[in-house]
Structures are given as C-alpha cells and as structure tokens.
Amino acid sequence: MPKRFSSIEEAFRLLEQQFDPQAAQTTEVTVQLHLTGQGGGDWFIRVHQGQLQVVPGVAEGTPDLTVTLDTADYLALLNGEMDPLAAYLRGKVKVQGDVKLVYRLQYLFRLPEDW
C-alpha cells in the first residue's frame, strides 16, 4: 500500500530521507513554501553543495522559487490525490520565480520502495 502523508512534518522527514546528495552536487537553490490553512506555515528548502536543509520559517534574501498553496492541497499532491499541473492551472498552486526549478528538483529525490 502506498505511503500516505497526514502532516507536513511527516512529509518533510521523508523528503530528507529520500534526498540524493550525488544528484544535487551542482544544484544551488532555495525554495520558499508558504502553506496556508490548518497545519500550515512557512518553510524553506535549501539545496547547497549536495546537502538539503528543510527549515521552518522564511528564508533570508530572495528565494529562487516561492510556492503558495493550502496545506491540505499540498498533502493531496504528495499523496497522489491531485494532479500537479491541474492544481497549478486551477490556481490552487501559485508559483513565483523560476518555474523550471520544480521539474529539476524532482530528480534530487529517490521514491521510497513502498511508494
């Protein structure tokens, strides 16, 4: 049975576990997540010199990418219950900055065996 996330913290823990430092050696990026609604808040994800940081709060300076969406929608995306492109086109996901980074970032993580 596929993994199902019930909280943002749980999703970020898996993100850290599935990070592939070898794939990230040449990637330098900061992504600001602004999650609205219950259980939300601000988080930033930084990839620097092959290392990943997932930190609550707002990143210093201007992030390369800012993504804003409802916490429930974010979990639905992670759980495969919502199509990312459809969510973007419907305005459920708002992106500012270098949108191409969304596609590049997906290659920095290995899917779990039970996914």
PDB file of N, CA and C in Angstrom:
ATOM      1  N   MET A   1       0.844  -1.177   0.000  1.00  0.00           N
ATOM      2  CA  MET A   1       0.000   0.000   0.000  1.00  0.00           C
ATOM      3  C   MET A   1       0.895   1.248   0.000  1.00  0.00           C
ATOM      4  N   PRO A   2       0.601   2.246  -0.848  1.00  0.00           N
ATOM      5  CA  PRO A   2       1.428   3.446  -0.923  1.00  0.00           C
ATOM      6  C   PRO A   2       1.412   4.228   0.388  1.00  0.00           C
ATOM      7  N   LYS A   3       2.488   4.938   0.621  1.00  0.00           N
ATOM      8  CA  LYS A   3       2.620   5.798   1.795  1.00  0.00           C
ATOM      9  C   LYS A   3       1.627   6.935   1.685  1.00  0.00           C
ATOM     10  N   ARG A   4       1.019   7.293   2.798  1.00  0.00           N
ATOM     11  CA  ARG A   4       0.066   8.400   2.820  1.00  0.00           C
ATOM     12  C   ARG A   4       0.501   9.363   3.918  1.00  0.00           C
ATOM     13  N   PHE A   5       0.683  10.617   3.540  1.00  0.00           N
ATOM     14  CA  PHE A   5       1.110  11.635   4.492  1.00  0.00           C
ATOM     15  C   PHE A   5      -0.090  12.273   5.152  1.00  0.00           C
ATOM     16  N   SER A   6       0.004  12.445   6.468  1.00  0.00           N
ATOM     17  CA  SER A   6      -1.079  13.102   7.190  1.00  0.00           C
ATOM     18  C   SER A   6      -0.638  14.441   7.779  1.00  0.00           C
ATOM     19  N   SER A   7       0.671  14.735   7.714  1.00  0.00           N
ATOM     20  CA  SER A   7       1.158  16.013   8.229  1.00  0.00           C
ATOM     21  C   SER A   7       2.326  16.503   7.388  1.00  0.00           C
ATOM     22  N   ILE A   8       2.544  17.796   7.434  1.00  0.00           N
ATOM     23  CA  ILE A   8       3.659  18.405   6.717  1.00  0.00           C
ATOM     24  C   ILE A   8       4.988  17.896   7.281  1.00  0.00           C
ATOM     25  N   GLU A   9       5.088  17.803   8.589  1.00  0.00           N
ATOM     26  CA  GLU A   9       6.327  17.344   9.216  1.00  0.00           C
ATOM     27  C   GLU A   9       6.697  15.943   8.741  1.00  0.00           C
ATOM     28  N   GLU A  10       5.710  15.072   8.648  1.00  0.00           N
ATOM     29  CA  GLU A  10       5.953  13.708   8.180  1.00  0.00           C
ATOM     30  C   GLU A  10       6.455  13.723   6.735  1.00  0.00           C
ATOM     31  N   ALA A  11       5.856  14.544   5.909  1.00  0.00           N
ATOM     32  CA  ALA A  11       6.271  14.646   4.506  1.00  0.00           C
ATOM     33  C   ALA A  11       7.693  15.165   4.392  1.00  0.00           C
ATOM     34  N   PHE A  12       8.053  16.168   5.199  1.00  0.00           N
ATOM     35  CA  PHE A  12       9.408  16.720   5.148  1.00  0.00           C
ATOM     36  C   PHE A  12      10.442  15.727   5.667  1.00  0.00           C
ATOM     37  N   ARG A  13      10.084  14.904   6.640  1.00  0.00           N
ATOM     38  CA  ARG A  13      11.021  13.871   7.123  1.00  0.00           C
ATOM     39  C   ARG A  13      11.363  12.899   5.991  1.00  0.00           C
ATOM     40  N   LEU A  14      10.348  12.489   5.237  1.00  0.00           N
ATOM     41  CA  LEU A  14      10.596  11.582   4.122  1.00  0.00           C
ATOM     42  C   LEU A  14      11.425  12.283   3.047  1.00  0.00           C
ATOM     43  N   LEU A  15      11.143  13.552   2.814  1.00  0.00           N
ATOM     44  CA  LEU A  15      11.901  14.321   1.839  1.00  0.00           C
ATOM     45  C   LEU A  15      13.389  14.264   2.178  1.00  0.00           C
ATOM     46  N   GLU A  16      13.713  14.475   3.434  1.00  0.00           N
ATOM     47  CA  GLU A  16      15.115  14.424   3.878  1.00  0.00           C
ATOM     48  C   GLU A  16      15.703  13.028   3.706  1.00  0.00           C
ATOM     49  N   GLN A  17      14.916  11.996   3.979  1.00  0.00           N
ATOM     50  CA  GLN A  17      15.392  10.618   3.863  1.00  0.00           C
ATOM     51  C   GLN A  17      15.640  10.217   2.410  1.00  0.00           C
ATOM     52  N   GLN A  18      14.853  10.756   1.497  1.00  0.00           N
ATOM     53  CA  GLN A  18      14.913  10.351   0.096  1.00  0.00           C
ATOM     54  C   GLN A  18      15.818  11.252  -0.751  1.00  0.00           C
ATOM     55  N   PHE A  19      16.432  12.237  -0.143  1.00  0.00           N
ATOM     56  CA  PHE A  19      17.316  13.156  -0.857  1.00  0.00           C
ATOM     57  C   PHE A  19      18.542  12.410  -1.374  1.00  0.00           C
ATOM     58  N   ASP A  20      18.929  12.696  -2.617  1.00  0.00           N
ATOM     59  CA  ASP A  20      20.081  12.062  -3.246  1.00  0.00           C
ATOM     60  C   ASP A  20      21.204  13.098  -3.387  1.00  0.00           C
ATOM     61  N   PRO A  21      22.157  13.116  -2.450  1.00  0.00           N
ATOM     62  CA  PRO A  21      23.216  14.130  -2.482  1.00  0.00           C
ATOM     63  C   PRO A  21      24.051  14.097  -3.762  1.00  0.00           C
ATOM     64  N   GLN A  22      24.244  12.909  -4.330  1.00  0.00           N
ATOM     65  CA  GLN A  22      25.019  12.807  -5.580  1.00  0.00           C
ATOM     66  C   GLN A  22      24.332  13.561  -6.713  1.00  0.00           C
ATOM     67  N   ALA A  23      23.020  13.451  -6.797  1.00  0.00           N
ATOM     68  CA  ALA A  23      22.273  14.127  -7.855  1.00  0.00           C
ATOM     69  C   ALA A  23      22.248  15.640  -7.654  1.00  0.00           C
ATOM     70  N   ALA A  24      22.535  16.076  -6.440  1.00  0.00           N
ATOM     71  CA  ALA A  24      22.413  17.500  -6.103  1.00  0.00           C
ATOM     72  C   ALA A  24      23.747  18.238  -6.078  1.00  0.00           C
ATOM     73  N   GLN A  25      24.816  17.600  -6.493  1.00  0.00           N
ATOM     74  CA  GLN A  25      26.143  18.215  -6.388  1.00  0.00           C
ATOM     75  C   GLN A  25      26.246  19.573  -7.079  1.00  0.00           C
ATOM     76  N   THR A  26      25.563  19.758  -8.185  1.00  0.00           N
ATOM     77  CA  THR A  26      25.674  21.021  -8.932  1.00  0.00           C
ATOM     78  C   THR A  26      24.449  21.910  -8.768  1.00  0.00           C
ATOM     79  N   THR A  27      23.548  21.560  -7.879  1.00  0.00           N
ATOM     80  CA  THR A  27      22.316  22.330  -7.695  1.00  0.00           C
ATOM     81  C   THR A  27      22.434  23.241  -6.481  1.00  0.00           C
ATOM     82  N   GLU A  28      22.157  24.514  -6.695  1.00  0.00           N
ATOM     83  CA  GLU A  28      22.130  25.510  -5.624  1.00  0.00           C
ATOM     84  C   GLU A  28      20.784  26.209  -5.737  1.00  0.00           C
ATOM     85  N   VAL A  29      19.887  25.964  -4.780  1.00  0.00           N
ATOM     86  CA  VAL A  29      18.539  26.511  -4.899  1.00  0.00           C
ATOM     87  C   VAL A  29      17.908  26.682  -3.521  1.00  0.00           C
ATOM     88  N   THR A  30      17.079  27.716  -3.415  1.00  0.00           N
ATOM     89  CA  THR A  30      16.259  27.920  -2.220  1.00  0.00           C
ATOM     90  C   THR A  30      14.811  28.034  -2.667  1.00  0.00           C
ATOM     91  N   VAL A  31      13.967  27.212  -2.079  1.00  0.00           N
ATOM     92  CA  VAL A  31      12.529  27.218  -2.370  1.00  0.00           C
ATOM     93  C   VAL A  31      11.803  27.603  -1.100  1.00  0.00           C
ATOM     94  N   GLN A  32      10.977  28.636  -1.193  1.00  0.00           N
ATOM     95  CA  GLN A  32      10.145  29.060  -0.069  1.00  0.00           C
ATOM     96  C   GLN A  32       8.762  28.465  -0.251  1.00  0.00           C
ATOM     97  N   LEU A  33       8.280  27.741   0.758  1.00  0.00           N
ATOM     98  CA  LEU A  33       6.919  27.204   0.741  1.00  0.00           C
ATOM     99  C   LEU A  33       6.075  28.018   1.710  1.00  0.00           C
ATOM    100  N   HIS A  34       4.963  28.519   1.212  1.00  0.00           N
ATOM    101  CA  HIS A  34       4.002  29.211   2.076  1.00  0.00           C
ATOM    102  C   HIS A  34       2.740  28.367   2.048  1.00  0.00           C
ATOM    103  N   LEU A  35       2.513  27.618   3.135  1.00  0.00           N
ATOM    104  CA  LEU A  35       1.369  26.716   3.225  1.00  0.00           C
ATOM    105  C   LEU A  35       0.299  27.381   4.073  1.00  0.00           C
ATOM    106  N   THR A  36      -0.867  27.528   3.499  1.00  0.00           N
ATOM    107  CA  THR A  36      -1.978  28.199   4.171  1.00  0.00           C
ATOM    108  C   THR A  36      -2.910  27.171   4.789  1.00  0.00           C
ATOM    109  N   GLY A  37      -3.829  27.622   5.621  1.00  0.00           N
ATOM    110  CA  GLY A  37      -4.817  26.736   6.218  1.00  0.00           C
ATOM    111  C   GLY A  37      -4.273  25.999   7.426  1.00  0.00           C
ATOM    112  N   GLN A  38      -5.071  25.080   7.924  1.00  0.00           N
ATOM    113  CA  GLN A  38      -4.736  24.327   9.139  1.00  0.00           C
ATOM    114  C   GLN A  38      -3.454  23.520   8.961  1.00  0.00           C
ATOM    115  N   GLY A  39      -2.558  23.629   9.924  1.00  0.00           N
ATOM    116  CA  GLY A  39      -1.304  22.888   9.894  1.00  0.00           C
ATOM    117  C   GLY A  39      -0.245  23.496   8.994  1.00  0.00           C
ATOM    118  N   GLY A  40      -0.517  24.672   8.461  1.00  0.00           N
ATOM    119  CA  GLY A  40       0.401  25.300   7.521  1.00  0.00           C
ATOM    120  C   GLY A  40       1.466  26.133   8.193  1.00  0.00           C
ATOM    121  N   GLY A  41       2.040  26.997   7.414  1.00  0.00           N
ATOM    122  CA  GLY A  41       3.106  27.870   7.880  1.00  0.00           C
ATOM    123  C   GLY A  41       4.125  28.051   6.781  1.00  0.00           C
ATOM    124  N   ASP A  42       5.213  28.696   7.117  1.00  0.00           N
ATOM    125  CA  ASP A  42       6.281  28.944   6.159  1.00  0.00           C
ATOM    126  C   ASP A  42       7.432  27.970   6.410  1.00  0.00           C
ATOM    127  N   TRP A  43       7.963  27.450   5.326  1.00  0.00           N
ATOM    128  CA  TRP A  43       9.110  26.546   5.356  1.00  0.00           C
ATOM    129  C   TRP A  43       9.990  26.910   4.175  1.00  0.00           C
ATOM    130  N   PHE A  44      11.276  26.673   4.310  1.00  0.00           N
ATOM    131  CA  PHE A  44      12.101  26.781   3.113  1.00  0.00           C
ATOM    132  C   PHE A  44      12.985  25.553   2.983  1.00  0.00           C
ATOM    133  N   ILE A  45      13.239  25.247   1.729  1.00  0.00           N
ATOM    134  CA  ILE A  45      14.057  24.105   1.365  1.00  0.00           C
ATOM    135  C   ILE A  45      15.275  24.662   0.641  1.00  0.00           C
ATOM    136  N   ARG A  46      16.445  24.324   1.156  1.00  0.00           N
ATOM    137  CA  ARG A  46      17.682  24.808   0.533  1.00  0.00           C
ATOM    138  C   ARG A  46      18.544  23.615   0.153  1.00  0.00           C
ATOM    139  N   VAL A  47      19.004  23.636  -1.097  1.00  0.00           N
ATOM    140  CA  VAL A  47      19.965  22.653  -1.571  1.00  0.00           C
ATOM    141  C   VAL A  47      21.246  23.422  -1.851  1.00  0.00           C
ATOM    142  N   HIS A  48      22.322  23.008  -1.158  1.00  0.00           N
ATOM    143  CA  HIS A  48      23.593  23.724  -1.272  1.00  0.00           C
ATOM    144  C   HIS A  48      24.733  22.730  -1.081  1.00  0.00           C
ATOM    145  N   GLN A  49      25.638  22.684  -2.061  1.00  0.00           N
ATOM    146  CA  GLN A  49      26.812  21.804  -2.016  1.00  0.00           C
ATOM    147  C   GLN A  49      26.437  20.351  -1.690  1.00  0.00           C
ATOM    148  N   GLY A  50      25.399  19.860  -2.352  1.00  0.00           N
ATOM    149  CA  GLY A  50      24.989  18.467  -2.188  1.00  0.00           C
ATOM    150  C   GLY A  50      24.281  18.156  -0.886  1.00  0.00           C
ATOM    151  N   GLN A  51      23.869  19.182  -0.156  1.00  0.00           N
ATOM    152  CA  GLN A  51      23.165  18.963   1.105  1.00  0.00           C
ATOM    153  C   GLN A  51      21.789  19.611   1.060  1.00  0.00           C
ATOM    154  N   LEU A  52      20.870  19.021   1.813  1.00  0.00           N
ATOM    155  CA  LEU A  52      19.494  19.503   1.878  1.00  0.00           C
ATOM    156  C   LEU A  52      19.201  20.029   3.274  1.00  0.00           C
ATOM    157  N   GLN A  53      18.545  21.179   3.325  1.00  0.00           N
ATOM    158  CA  GLN A  53      18.023  21.718   4.578  1.00  0.00           C
ATOM    159  C   GLN A  53      16.534  21.956   4.376  1.00  0.00           C
ATOM    160  N   VAL A  54      15.730  21.509   5.309  1.00  0.00           N
ATOM    161  CA  VAL A  54      14.302  21.814   5.345  1.00  0.00           C
ATOM    162  C   VAL A  54      14.077  22.513   6.677  1.00  0.00           C
ATOM    163  N   VAL A  55      13.712  23.796   6.609  1.00  0.00           N
ATOM    164  CA  VAL A  55      13.704  24.626   7.800  1.00  0.00           C
ATOM    165  C   VAL A  55      12.372  25.364   7.920  1.00  0.00           C
ATOM    166  N   PRO A  56      11.757  25.354   9.111  1.00  0.00           N
ATOM    167  CA  PRO A  56      10.565  26.178   9.291  1.00  0.00           C
ATOM    168  C   PRO A  56      10.956  27.651   9.277  1.00  0.00           C
ATOM    169  N   GLY A  57      10.109  28.469   8.686  1.00  0.00           N
ATOM    170  CA  GLY A  57      10.350  29.904   8.668  1.00  0.00           C
ATOM    171  C   GLY A  57      10.536  30.434   7.263  1.00  0.00           C
ATOM    172  N   VAL A  58      11.014  31.671   7.194  1.00  0.00           N
ATOM    173  CA  VAL A  58      11.200  32.369   5.926  1.00  0.00           C
ATOM    174  C   VAL A  58      12.691  32.478   5.654  1.00  0.00           C
ATOM    175  N   ALA A  59      13.085  32.133   4.443  1.00  0.00           N
ATOM    176  CA  ALA A  59      14.494  32.196   4.051  1.00  0.00           C
ATOM    177  C   ALA A  59      14.951  33.648   3.964  1.00  0.00           C
ATOM    178  N   GLU A  60      16.217  33.863   4.320  1.00  0.00           N
ATOM    179  CA  GLU A  60      16.790  35.192   4.150  1.00  0.00           C
ATOM    180  C   GLU A  60      17.028  35.448   2.664  1.00  0.00           C
ATOM    181  N   GLY A  61      16.868  36.690   2.258  1.00  0.00           N
ATOM    182  CA  GLY A  61      17.089  37.031   0.856  1.00  0.00           C
ATOM    183  C   GLY A  61      15.907  36.609   0.000  1.00  0.00           C
ATOM    184  N   THR A  62      16.134  36.630  -1.290  1.00  0.00           N
ATOM    185  CA  THR A  62      15.083  36.284  -2.246  1.00  0.00           C
ATOM    186  C   THR A  62      15.240  34.832  -2.672  1.00  0.00           C
ATOM    187  N   PRO A  63      14.220  33.995  -2.432  1.00  0.00           N
ATOM    188  CA  PRO A  63      14.323  32.592  -2.856  1.00  0.00           C
ATOM    189  C   PRO A  63      14.270  32.485  -4.382  1.00  0.00           C
ATOM    190  N   ASP A  64      14.782  31.381  -4.900  1.00  0.00           N
ATOM    191  CA  ASP A  64      14.734  31.132  -6.337  1.00  0.00           C
ATOM    192  C   ASP A  64      13.318  30.825  -6.790  1.00  0.00           C
ATOM    193  N   LEU A  65      12.528  30.279  -5.864  1.00  0.00           N
ATOM    194  CA  LEU A  65      11.169  29.859  -6.168  1.00  0.00           C
ATOM    195  C   LEU A  65      10.324  29.978  -4.908  1.00  0.00           C
ATOM    196  N   THR A  66       9.139  30.544  -5.033  1.00  0.00           N
ATOM    197  CA  THR A  66       8.189  30.605  -3.926  1.00  0.00           C
ATOM    198  C   THR A  66       6.919  29.904  -4.364  1.00  0.00           C
ATOM    199  N   VAL A  67       6.468  28.960  -3.549  1.00  0.00           N
ATOM    200  CA  VAL A  67       5.264  28.187  -3.859  1.00  0.00           C
ATOM    201  C   VAL A  67       4.274  28.415  -2.723  1.00  0.00           C
ATOM    202  N   THR A  68       3.054  28.823  -3.092  1.00  0.00           N
ATOM    203  CA  THR A  68       1.998  29.079  -2.124  1.00  0.00           C
ATOM    204  C   THR A  68       0.815  28.177  -2.439  1.00  0.00           C
ATOM    205  N   LEU A  69       0.347  27.446  -1.422  1.00  0.00           N
ATOM    206  CA  LEU A  69      -0.846  26.623  -1.578  1.00  0.00           C
ATOM    207  C   LEU A  69      -1.362  26.217  -0.215  1.00  0.00           C
ATOM    208  N   ASP A  70      -2.593  25.726  -0.211  1.00  0.00           N
ATOM    209  CA  ASP A  70      -3.218  25.265   1.022  1.00  0.00           C
ATOM    210  C   ASP A  70      -2.542  23.970   1.489  1.00  0.00           C
ATOM    211  N   THR A  71      -2.396  23.827   2.785  1.00  0.00           N
ATOM    212  CA  THR A  71      -1.748  22.645   3.358  1.00  0.00           C
ATOM    213  C   THR A  71      -2.439  21.354   2.918  1.00  0.00           C
ATOM    214  N   ALA A  72      -3.754  21.340   2.935  1.00  0.00           N
ATOM    215  CA  ALA A  72      -4.494  20.138   2.521  1.00  0.00           C
ATOM    216  C   ALA A  72      -4.221  19.808   1.052  1.00  0.00           C
ATOM    217  N   ASP A  73      -4.107  20.833   0.206  1.00  0.00           N
ATOM    218  CA  ASP A  73      -3.794  20.605  -1.208  1.00  0.00           C
ATOM    219  C   ASP A  73      -2.370  20.085  -1.378  1.00  0.00           C
ATOM    220  N   TYR A  74      -1.441  20.590  -0.572  1.00  0.00           N
ATOM    221  CA  TYR A  74      -0.055  20.128  -0.640  1.00  0.00           C
ATOM    222  C   TYR A  74       0.012  18.631  -0.285  1.00  0.00           C
ATOM    223  N   LEU A  75      -0.675  18.252   0.779  1.00  0.00           N
ATOM    224  CA  LEU A  75      -0.699  16.838   1.163  1.00  0.00           C
ATOM    225  C   LEU A  75      -1.379  15.993   0.092  1.00  0.00           C
ATOM    226  N   ALA A  76      -2.440  16.524  -0.526  1.00  0.00           N
ATOM    227  CA  ALA A  76      -3.114  15.793  -1.604  1.00  0.00           C
ATOM    228  C   ALA A  76      -2.169  15.593  -2.794  1.00  0.00           C
ATOM    229  N   LEU A  77      -1.356  16.602  -3.095  1.00  0.00           N
ATOM    230  CA  LEU A  77      -0.370  16.458  -4.167  1.00  0.00           C
ATOM    231  C   LEU A  77       0.651  15.372  -3.824  1.00  0.00           C
ATOM    232  N   LEU A  78       1.172  15.420  -2.607  1.00  0.00           N
ATOM    233  CA  LEU A  78       2.164  14.440  -2.184  1.00  0.00           C
ATOM    234  C   LEU A  78       1.592  13.024  -2.141  1.00  0.00           C
ATOM    235  N   ASN A  79       0.313  12.914  -1.827  1.00  0.00           N
ATOM    236  CA  ASN A  79      -0.344  11.612  -1.736  1.00  0.00           C
ATOM    237  C   ASN A  79      -0.853  11.113  -3.080  1.00  0.00           C
ATOM    238  N   GLY A  80      -0.615  11.886  -4.139  1.00  0.00           N
ATOM    239  CA  GLY A  80      -1.043  11.475  -5.473  1.00  0.00           C
ATOM    240  C   GLY A  80      -2.530  11.617  -5.706  1.00  0.00           C
ATOM    241  N   GLU A  81      -3.204  12.391  -4.874  1.00  0.00           N
ATOM    242  CA  GLU A  81      -4.653  12.569  -4.994  1.00  0.00           C
ATOM    243  C   GLU A  81      -5.018  13.790  -5.838  1.00  0.00           C
ATOM    244  N   MET A  82      -4.015  14.573  -6.221  1.00  0.00           N
ATOM    245  CA  MET A  82      -4.256  15.774  -7.012  1.00  0.00           C
ATOM    246  C   MET A  82      -3.155  15.866  -8.063  1.00  0.00           C
ATOM    247  N   ASP A  83      -3.533  16.173  -9.278  1.00  0.00           N
ATOM    248  CA  ASP A  83      -2.577  16.323 -10.364  1.00  0.00           C
ATOM    249  C   ASP A  83      -1.889  17.687 -10.249  1.00  0.00           C
ATOM    250  N   PRO A  84      -0.550  17.731 -10.223  1.00  0.00           N
ATOM    251  CA  PRO A  84       0.156  18.999 -10.047  1.00  0.00           C
ATOM    252  C   PRO A  84      -0.151  20.039 -11.126  1.00  0.00           C
ATOM    253  N   LEU A  85      -0.172  19.635 -12.382  1.00  0.00           N
ATOM    254  CA  LEU A  85      -0.446  20.586 -13.452  1.00  0.00           C
ATOM    255  C   LEU A  85      -1.866  21.125 -13.357  1.00  0.00           C
ATOM    256  N   ALA A  86      -2.829  20.254 -13.094  1.00  0.00           N
ATOM    257  CA  ALA A  86      -4.224  20.693 -12.943  1.00  0.00           C
ATOM    258  C   ALA A  86      -4.363  21.649 -11.763  1.00  0.00           C
ATOM    259  N   ALA A  87      -3.677  21.362 -10.662  1.00  0.00           N
ATOM    260  CA  ALA A  87      -3.726  22.242  -9.491  1.00  0.00           C
ATOM    261  C   ALA A  87      -3.159  23.615  -9.832  1.00  0.00           C
ATOM    262  N   TYR A  88      -2.084  23.643 -10.580  1.00  0.00           N
ATOM    263  CA  TYR A  88      -1.474  24.913 -10.998  1.00  0.00           C
ATOM    264  C   TYR A  88      -2.418  25.683 -11.924  1.00  0.00           C
ATOM    265  N   LEU A  89      -2.975  24.986 -12.905  1.00  0.00           N
ATOM    266  CA  LEU A  89      -3.860  25.645 -13.867  1.00  0.00           C
ATOM    267  C   LEU A  89      -5.150  26.154 -13.227  1.00  0.00           C
ATOM    268  N   ARG A  90      -5.607  25.502 -12.166  1.00  0.00           N
ATOM    269  CA  ARG A  90      -6.817  25.928 -11.447  1.00  0.00           C
ATOM    270  C   ARG A  90      -6.529  27.013 -10.413  1.00  0.00           C
ATOM    271  N   GLY A  91      -5.269  27.380 -10.262  1.00  0.00           N
ATOM    272  CA  GLY A  91      -4.901  28.420  -9.313  1.00  0.00           C
ATOM    273  C   GLY A  91      -4.759  27.941  -7.883  1.00  0.00           C
ATOM    274  N   LYS A  92      -4.766  26.637  -7.673  1.00  0.00           N
ATOM    275  CA  LYS A  92      -4.597  26.106  -6.315  1.00  0.00           C
ATOM    276  C   LYS A  92      -3.147  26.199  -5.867  1.00  0.00           C
ATOM    277  N   VAL A  93      -2.235  26.224  -6.832  1.00  0.00           N
ATOM    278  CA  VAL A  93      -0.803  26.356  -6.554  1.00  0.00           C
ATOM    279  C   VAL A  93      -0.325  27.623  -7.246  1.00  0.00           C
ATOM    280  N   LYS A  94       0.261  28.521  -6.469  1.00  0.00           N
ATOM    281  CA  LYS A  94       0.801  29.754  -7.028  1.00  0.00           C
ATOM    282  C   LYS A  94       2.324  29.680  -6.943  1.00  0.00           C
ATOM    283  N   VAL A  95       2.973  29.982  -8.052  1.00  0.00           N
ATOM    284  CA  VAL A  95       4.424  29.873  -8.131  1.00  0.00           C
ATOM    285  C   VAL A  95       5.006  31.204  -8.579  1.00  0.00           C
ATOM    286  N   GLN A  96       6.017  31.666  -7.859  1.00  0.00           N
ATOM    287  CA  GLN A  96       6.755  32.865  -8.243  1.00  0.00           C
ATOM    288  C   GLN A  96       8.220  32.474  -8.369  1.00  0.00           C
ATOM    289  N   GLY A  97       8.857  32.976  -9.412  1.00  0.00           N
ATOM    290  CA  GLY A  97      10.273  32.673  -9.601  1.00  0.00           C
ATOM    291  C   GLY A  97      10.468  31.727 -10.773  1.00  0.00           C
ATOM    292  N   ASP A  98      11.561  31.001 -10.750  1.00  0.00           N
ATOM    293  CA  ASP A  98      11.965  30.111 -11.826  1.00  0.00           C
ATOM    294  C   ASP A  98      11.177  28.801 -11.777  1.00  0.00           C
ATOM    295  N   VAL A  99      10.089  28.742 -12.530  1.00  0.00           N
ATOM    296  CA  VAL A  99       9.191  27.587 -12.522  1.00  0.00           C
ATOM    297  C   VAL A  99       9.913  26.312 -12.987  1.00  0.00           C
ATOM    298  N   LYS A 100      10.915  26.454 -13.832  1.00  0.00           N
ATOM    299  CA  LYS A 100      11.655  25.274 -14.308  1.00  0.00           C
ATOM    300  C   LYS A 100      12.314  24.507 -13.164  1.00  0.00           C
ATOM    301  N   LEU A 101      12.543  25.178 -12.055  1.00  0.00           N
ATOM    302  CA  LEU A 101      13.160  24.515 -10.902  1.00  0.00           C
ATOM    303  C   LEU A 101      12.292  23.389 -10.354  1.00  0.00           C
ATOM    304  N   VAL A 102      10.983  23.519 -10.477  1.00  0.00           N
ATOM    305  CA  VAL A 102      10.075  22.475  -9.988  1.00  0.00           C
ATOM    306  C   VAL A 102      10.424  21.142 -10.641  1.00  0.00           C
ATOM    307  N   TYR A 103      10.673  21.162 -11.930  1.00  0.00           N
ATOM    308  CA  TYR A 103      10.995  19.931 -12.650  1.00  0.00           C
ATOM    309  C   TYR A 103      12.392  19.434 -12.295  1.00  0.00           C
ATOM    310  N   ARG A 104      13.352  20.333 -12.147  1.00  0.00           N
ATOM    311  CA  ARG A 104      14.722  19.938 -11.818  1.00  0.00           C
ATOM    312  C   ARG A 104      14.788  19.311 -10.422  1.00  0.00           C
ATOM    313  N   LEU A 105      14.022  19.848  -9.480  1.00  0.00           N
ATOM    314  CA  LEU A 105      14.071  19.365  -8.099  1.00  0.00           C
ATOM    315  C   LEU A 105      13.606  17.921  -7.945  1.00  0.00           C
ATOM    316  N   GLN A 106      12.671  17.502  -8.786  1.00  0.00           N
ATOM    317  CA  GLN A 106      12.145  16.143  -8.641  1.00  0.00           C
ATOM    318  C   GLN A 106      13.227  15.081  -8.841  1.00  0.00           C
ATOM    319  N   TYR A 107      14.291  15.412  -9.546  1.00  0.00           N
ATOM    320  CA  TYR A 107      15.358  14.443  -9.794  1.00  0.00           C
ATOM    321  C   TYR A 107      16.357  14.341  -8.652  1.00  0.00           C
ATOM    322  N   LEU A 108      16.151  15.140  -7.601  1.00  0.00           N
ATOM    323  CA  LEU A 108      17.055  15.112  -6.456  1.00  0.00           C
ATOM    324  C   LEU A 108      16.586  14.163  -5.356  1.00  0.00           C
ATOM    325  N   PHE A 109      15.472  13.458  -5.619  1.00  0.00           N
ATOM    326  CA  PHE A 109      14.885  12.595  -4.594  1.00  0.00           C
ATOM    327  C   PHE A 109      14.577  11.224  -5.183  1.00  0.00           C
ATOM    328  N   ARG A 110      14.828  10.176  -4.374  1.00  0.00           N
ATOM    329  CA  ARG A 110      14.503   8.805  -4.757  1.00  0.00           C
ATOM    330  C   ARG A 110      13.151   8.456  -4.144  1.00  0.00           C
ATOM    331  N   LEU A 111      12.273   7.878  -4.928  1.00  0.00           N
ATOM    332  CA  LEU A 111      10.994   7.438  -4.372  1.00  0.00           C
ATOM    333  C   LEU A 111      11.213   6.239  -3.465  1.00  0.00           C
ATOM    334  N   PRO A 112      10.495   6.174  -2.359  1.00  0.00           N
ATOM    335  CA  PRO A 112      10.638   5.019  -1.464  1.00  0.00           C
ATOM    336  C   PRO A 112      10.184   3.733  -2.140  1.00  0.00           C
ATOM    337  N   GLU A 113      10.694   2.616  -1.653  1.00  0.00           N
ATOM    338  CA  GLU A 113      10.353   1.304  -2.205  1.00  0.00           C
ATOM    339  C   GLU A 113       8.855   1.030  -2.162  1.00  0.00           C
ATOM    340  N   ASP A 114       8.193   1.478  -1.076  1.00  0.00           N
ATOM    341  CA  ASP A 114       6.762   1.173  -0.922  1.00  0.00           C
ATOM    342  C   ASP A 114       5.863   2.244  -1.500  1.00  0.00           C
ATOM    343  N   TRP A 115       6.393   3.078  -2.368  1.00  0.00           N
ATOM    344  CA  TRP A 115       5.600   4.162  -2.951  1.00  0.00           C
ATOM    345  C   TRP A 115       4.681   3.656  -4.007  1.00  0.00           C
TER     346      TRP A 115
END
